[in-house]
Amino acid sequence: MLTPLDIHNKEFKRSIRGYDADEVDEFLDEIIKDYEKLYKENLNLKEQVENFQENINRYRELEDTLHNTLILAQQTAEEVKKNAEKEAELIIKNAHQKGEQIIFDAQQKILDLQEEYRSLQKTVQQFKAQFKGFLLAQLELVEDEKKEYVEPKTGDTLVVTKGN
């Protein structure tokens, strides 16, 4: 590619019927200015293209990073959700087990209380029977005392015998 300096240093051979050298030089000077301007603009545009390409590459890397981060966040969210579900299931299972244990303990206590109640009823029945026996024995003693006691008649001697 020609540079503005190449155009500036270009020499043409002179011929008899050639162009006016001053006019050609003036025109070449204009071409040099325009070409130099275009050349610099082209360099600037190439730099801009490179910068834009670098930015595009950076943005693509950023996009890839964000994409990977999003995927990782989704995976993490899924894992957290699964762990939470497992933990919830475990809590529910433990609650059911504790509830069943409480019910079992309550039923066992009821059975124990029923057994104790029956035992107390039996003790009350035994006490009633013993007390009844005691009262009957006392009544019998009183009856026996009545039988053995004879009213003295006037002038009789009083005889008292004890029963065994």
C-alpha atoms as a PDB file:
ATOM      1  CA  MET A   1       0.000   0.000   0.000  1.00  0.00           C
ATOM      2  CA  LEU A   2       1.292   3.414  -0.878  1.00  0.00           C
ATOM      3  CA  THR A   3       2.025   5.860   1.868  1.00  0.00           C
ATOM      4  CA  PRO A   4       1.685   9.629   1.564  1.00  0.00           C
ATOM      5  CA  LEU A   5       5.491   9.791   1.597  1.00  0.00           C
ATOM      6  CA  ASP A   6       5.650   7.415  -1.404  1.00  0.00           C
ATOM      7  CA  ILE A   7       3.361   9.703  -3.347  1.00  0.00           C
ATOM      8  CA  HIS A   8       5.316  12.772  -2.254  1.00  0.00           C
ATOM      9  CA  ASN A   9       8.671  11.290  -3.366  1.00  0.00           C
ATOM     10  CA  LYS A  10       7.388   9.963  -6.678  1.00  0.00           C
ATOM     11  CA  GLU A  11       9.292  11.554  -9.588  1.00  0.00           C
ATOM     12  CA  PHE A  12       8.053  11.480 -13.113  1.00  0.00           C
ATOM     13  CA  LYS A  13      10.211  11.684 -16.238  1.00  0.00           C
ATOM     14  CA  ARG A  14       9.944  14.831 -18.283  1.00  0.00           C
ATOM     15  CA  SER A  15       9.034  14.695 -21.876  1.00  0.00           C
ATOM     16  CA  ILE A  16       8.681  17.349 -24.469  1.00  0.00           C
ATOM     17  CA  ARG A  17       5.036  17.114 -24.814  1.00  0.00           C
ATOM     18  CA  GLY A  18       4.350  16.422 -21.147  1.00  0.00           C
ATOM     19  CA  TYR A  19       2.072  18.051 -18.653  1.00  0.00           C
ATOM     20  CA  ASP A  20       2.762  21.288 -16.875  1.00  0.00           C
ATOM     21  CA  ALA A  21       4.998  20.259 -13.991  1.00  0.00           C
ATOM     22  CA  ASP A  22       3.597  22.872 -11.563  1.00  0.00           C
ATOM     23  CA  GLU A  23       0.061  21.808 -12.264  1.00  0.00           C
ATOM     24  CA  VAL A  24       0.950  18.147 -11.750  1.00  0.00           C
ATOM     25  CA  ASP A  25       2.834  19.026  -8.528  1.00  0.00           C
ATOM     26  CA  GLU A  26      -0.130  21.003  -7.206  1.00  0.00           C
ATOM     27  CA  PHE A  27      -2.475  18.178  -8.038  1.00  0.00           C
ATOM     28  CA  LEU A  28      -0.151  15.637  -6.453  1.00  0.00           C
ATOM     29  CA  ASP A  29       0.025  17.848  -3.327  1.00  0.00           C
ATOM     30  CA  GLU A  30      -3.768  17.769  -3.117  1.00  0.00           C
ATOM     31  CA  ILE A  31      -3.762  14.026  -3.654  1.00  0.00           C
ATOM     32  CA  ILE A  32      -1.077  13.672  -0.953  1.00  0.00           C
ATOM     33  CA  LYS A  33      -3.178  15.699   1.507  1.00  0.00           C
ATOM     34  CA  ASP A  34      -6.333  13.717   0.760  1.00  0.00           C
ATOM     35  CA  TYR A  35      -4.473  10.437   0.709  1.00  0.00           C
ATOM     36  CA  GLU A  36      -2.705  11.280   3.977  1.00  0.00           C
ATOM     37  CA  LYS A  37      -6.032  12.200   5.505  1.00  0.00           C
ATOM     38  CA  LEU A  38      -7.579   8.938   4.261  1.00  0.00           C
ATOM     39  CA  TYR A  39      -4.513   6.985   5.356  1.00  0.00           C
ATOM     40  CA  LYS A  40      -4.687   8.416   8.895  1.00  0.00           C
ATOM     41  CA  GLU A  41      -8.428   7.900   8.965  1.00  0.00           C
ATOM     42  CA  ASN A  42      -7.920   4.319   7.830  1.00  0.00           C
ATOM     43  CA  LEU A  43      -5.347   3.773  10.611  1.00  0.00           C
ATOM     44  CA  ASN A  44      -7.735   5.268  13.151  1.00  0.00           C
ATOM     45  CA  LEU A  45     -10.545   3.084  11.884  1.00  0.00           C
ATOM     46  CA  LYS A  46      -8.313   0.015  12.085  1.00  0.00           C
ATOM     47  CA  GLU A  47      -7.465   0.929  15.693  1.00  0.00           C
ATOM     48  CA  GLN A  48     -11.138   1.407  16.416  1.00  0.00           C
ATOM     49  CA  VAL A  49     -11.921  -1.933  14.806  1.00  0.00           C
ATOM     50  CA  GLU A  50      -9.231  -3.563  16.945  1.00  0.00           C
ATOM     51  CA  ASN A  51     -10.607  -1.841  20.062  1.00  0.00           C
ATOM     52  CA  PHE A  52     -14.111  -2.882  19.141  1.00  0.00           C
ATOM     53  CA  GLN A  53     -12.910  -6.413  18.512  1.00  0.00           C
ATOM     54  CA  GLU A  54     -11.185  -6.442  21.902  1.00  0.00           C
ATOM     55  CA  ASN A  55     -14.377  -5.120  23.507  1.00  0.00           C
ATOM     56  CA  ILE A  56     -16.426  -7.737  21.683  1.00  0.00           C
ATOM     57  CA  ASN A  57     -14.048 -10.427  22.908  1.00  0.00           C
ATOM     58  CA  ARG A  58     -14.234  -9.051  26.451  1.00  0.00           C
ATOM     59  CA  TYR A  59     -18.025  -8.926  26.269  1.00  0.00           C
ATOM     60  CA  ARG A  60     -18.140 -12.464  24.912  1.00  0.00           C
ATOM     61  CA  GLU A  61     -15.949 -13.629  27.775  1.00  0.00           C
ATOM     62  CA  LEU A  62     -18.184 -11.713  30.170  1.00  0.00           C
ATOM     63  CA  GLU A  63     -21.237 -13.259  28.536  1.00  0.00           C
ATOM     64  CA  ASP A  64     -19.699 -16.735  28.884  1.00  0.00           C
ATOM     65  CA  THR A  65     -18.846 -16.018  32.511  1.00  0.00           C
ATOM     66  CA  LEU A  66     -22.360 -14.758  33.197  1.00  0.00           C
ATOM     67  CA  HIS A  67     -23.829 -17.755  31.395  1.00  0.00           C
ATOM     68  CA  ASN A  68     -21.696 -20.147  33.439  1.00  0.00           C
ATOM     69  CA  THR A  69     -22.563 -18.242  36.607  1.00  0.00           C
ATOM     70  CA  LEU A  70     -26.251 -18.438  35.777  1.00  0.00           C
ATOM     71  CA  ILE A  71     -25.998 -22.172  35.149  1.00  0.00           C
ATOM     72  CA  LEU A  72     -24.117 -22.610  38.422  1.00  0.00           C
ATOM     73  CA  ALA A  73     -26.724 -20.505  40.248  1.00  0.00           C
ATOM     74  CA  GLN A  74     -29.514 -22.620  38.750  1.00  0.00           C
ATOM     75  CA  GLN A  75     -27.751 -25.822  39.767  1.00  0.00           C
ATOM     76  CA  THR A  76     -27.154 -24.450  43.244  1.00  0.00           C
ATOM     77  CA  ALA A  77     -30.801 -23.400  43.506  1.00  0.00           C
ATOM     78  CA  GLU A  78     -31.884 -26.892  42.460  1.00  0.00           C
ATOM     79  CA  GLU A  79     -29.567 -28.468  45.027  1.00  0.00           C
ATOM     80  CA  VAL A  80     -30.823 -26.124  47.741  1.00  0.00           C
ATOM     81  CA  LYS A  81     -34.404 -26.940  46.769  1.00  0.00           C
ATOM     82  CA  LYS A  82     -33.717 -30.693  46.835  1.00  0.00           C
ATOM     83  CA  ASN A  83     -31.949 -30.396  50.184  1.00  0.00           C
ATOM     84  CA  ALA A  84     -34.829 -28.354  51.581  1.00  0.00           C
ATOM     85  CA  GLU A  85     -37.319 -30.948  50.351  1.00  0.00           C
ATOM     86  CA  LYS A  86     -35.273 -33.756  51.904  1.00  0.00           C
ATOM     87  CA  GLU A  87     -34.997 -31.830  55.154  1.00  0.00           C
ATOM     88  CA  ALA A  88     -38.747 -31.163  55.127  1.00  0.00           C
ATOM     89  CA  GLU A  89     -39.412 -34.864  54.548  1.00  0.00           C
ATOM     90  CA  LEU A  90     -37.065 -35.735  57.394  1.00  0.00           C
ATOM     91  CA  ILE A  91     -38.748 -33.228  59.719  1.00  0.00           C
ATOM     92  CA  ILE A  92     -42.180 -34.623  58.806  1.00  0.00           C
ATOM     93  CA  LYS A  93     -40.952 -38.186  59.287  1.00  0.00           C
ATOM     94  CA  ASN A  94     -39.491 -37.297  62.695  1.00  0.00           C
ATOM     95  CA  ALA A  95     -42.707 -35.523  63.652  1.00  0.00           C
ATOM     96  CA  HIS A  96     -44.730 -38.614  62.673  1.00  0.00           C
ATOM     97  CA  GLN A  97     -42.391 -40.834  64.675  1.00  0.00           C
ATOM     98  CA  LYS A  98     -42.588 -38.542  67.696  1.00  0.00           C
ATOM     99  CA  GLY A  99     -46.369 -38.388  67.348  1.00  0.00           C
ATOM    100  CA  GLU A 100     -46.578 -42.164  67.158  1.00  0.00           C
ATOM    101  CA  GLN A 101     -44.271 -42.445  70.174  1.00  0.00           C
ATOM    102  CA  ILE A 102     -46.441 -39.974  72.119  1.00  0.00           C
ATOM    103  CA  ILE A 103     -49.561 -41.948  71.198  1.00  0.00           C
ATOM    104  CA  PHE A 104     -47.854 -45.221  72.147  1.00  0.00           C
ATOM    105  CA  ASP A 105     -46.675 -43.754  75.468  1.00  0.00           C
ATOM    106  CA  ALA A 106     -50.177 -42.402  76.163  1.00  0.00           C
ATOM    107  CA  GLN A 107     -51.749 -45.778  75.360  1.00  0.00           C
ATOM    108  CA  GLN A 108     -49.187 -47.470  77.573  1.00  0.00           C
ATOM    109  CA  LYS A 109     -49.945 -45.040  80.384  1.00  0.00           C
ATOM    110  CA  ILE A 110     -53.668 -45.663  79.941  1.00  0.00           C
ATOM    111  CA  LEU A 111     -53.039 -49.400  80.142  1.00  0.00           C
ATOM    112  CA  ASP A 112     -50.896 -48.872  83.250  1.00  0.00           C
ATOM    113  CA  LEU A 113     -53.596 -46.689  84.823  1.00  0.00           C
ATOM    114  CA  GLN A 114     -56.273 -49.262  83.971  1.00  0.00           C
ATOM    115  CA  GLU A 115     -54.135 -51.970  85.564  1.00  0.00           C
ATOM    116  CA  GLU A 116     -53.596 -49.785  88.627  1.00  0.00           C
ATOM    117  CA  TYR A 117     -57.345 -49.057  88.758  1.00  0.00           C
ATOM    118  CA  ARG A 118     -58.149 -52.785  88.636  1.00  0.00           C
ATOM    119  CA  SER A 119     -55.559 -53.382  91.340  1.00  0.00           C
ATOM    120  CA  LEU A 120     -57.108 -50.645  93.485  1.00  0.00           C
ATOM    121  CA  GLN A 121     -60.591 -52.074  92.874  1.00  0.00           C
ATOM    122  CA  LYS A 122     -59.321 -55.470  93.956  1.00  0.00           C
ATOM    123  CA  THR A 123     -57.739 -53.883  97.055  1.00  0.00           C
ATOM    124  CA  VAL A 124     -61.031 -52.095  97.838  1.00  0.00           C
ATOM    125  CA  GLN A 125     -62.957 -55.368  97.396  1.00  0.00           C
ATOM    126  CA  GLN A 126     -60.482 -57.144  99.659  1.00  0.00           C
ATOM    127  CA  PHE A 127     -60.780 -54.347 102.201  1.00  0.00           C
ATOM    128  CA  LYS A 128     -64.587 -54.495 102.031  1.00  0.00           C
ATOM    129  CA  ALA A 129     -64.507 -58.254 102.444  1.00  0.00           C
ATOM    130  CA  GLN A 130     -62.097 -58.032 105.355  1.00  0.00           C
ATOM    131  CA  PHE A 131     -64.055 -55.190 106.923  1.00  0.00           C
ATOM    132  CA  LYS A 132     -67.301 -57.092 106.408  1.00  0.00           C
ATOM    133  CA  GLY A 133     -65.680 -60.114 107.956  1.00  0.00           C
ATOM    134  CA  PHE A 134     -64.507 -57.998 110.851  1.00  0.00           C
ATOM    135  CA  LEU A 135     -67.955 -56.468 111.311  1.00  0.00           C
ATOM    136  CA  LEU A 136     -69.610 -59.896 111.122  1.00  0.00           C
ATOM    137  CA  ALA A 137     -67.146 -61.208 113.658  1.00  0.00           C
ATOM    138  CA  GLN A 138     -67.910 -58.277 115.920  1.00  0.00           C
ATOM    139  CA  LEU A 139     -71.643 -58.797 115.441  1.00  0.00           C
ATOM    140  CA  GLU A 140     -71.265 -62.463 116.222  1.00  0.00           C
ATOM    141  CA  LEU A 141     -69.367 -61.574 119.363  1.00  0.00           C
ATOM    142  CA  VAL A 142     -72.118 -59.205 120.380  1.00  0.00           C
ATOM    143  CA  GLU A 143     -74.741 -61.894 119.622  1.00  0.00           C
ATOM    144  CA  ASP A 144     -72.807 -64.460 121.570  1.00  0.00           C
ATOM    145  CA  GLU A 145     -72.603 -62.032 124.469  1.00  0.00           C
ATOM    146  CA  LYS A 146     -76.376 -61.633 124.370  1.00  0.00           C
ATOM    147  CA  LYS A 147     -76.933 -65.361 124.432  1.00  0.00           C
ATOM    148  CA  GLU A 148     -74.646 -65.896 127.330  1.00  0.00           C
ATOM    149  CA  TYR A 149     -76.124 -63.135 129.336  1.00  0.00           C
ATOM    150  CA  VAL A 150     -79.101 -64.217 131.372  1.00  0.00           C
ATOM    151  CA  GLU A 151     -81.188 -61.730 133.215  1.00  0.00           C
ATOM    152  CA  PRO A 152     -81.011 -62.420 136.882  1.00  0.00           C
ATOM    153  CA  LYS A 153     -84.273 -63.026 138.581  1.00  0.00           C
ATOM    154  CA  THR A 154     -84.744 -61.683 141.898  1.00  0.00           C
ATOM    155  CA  GLY A 155     -82.978 -63.807 144.313  1.00  0.00           C
ATOM    156  CA  ASP A 156     -80.922 -65.688 141.651  1.00  0.00           C
ATOM    157  CA  THR A 157     -77.179 -65.670 141.472  1.00  0.00           C
ATOM    158  CA  LEU A 158     -75.621 -64.199 138.399  1.00  0.00           C
ATOM    159  CA  VAL A 159     -73.426 -66.585 136.344  1.00  0.00           C
ATOM    160  CA  VAL A 160     -71.424 -65.334 133.434  1.00  0.00           C
ATOM    161  CA  THR A 161     -69.458 -67.616 131.163  1.00  0.00           C
ATOM    162  CA  LYS A 162     -67.178 -66.517 128.459  1.00  0.00           C
ATOM    163  CA  GLY A 163     -67.163 -68.047 125.030  1.00  0.00           C
ATOM    164  CA  ASN A 164     -63.990 -69.004 123.338  1.00  0.00           C
END
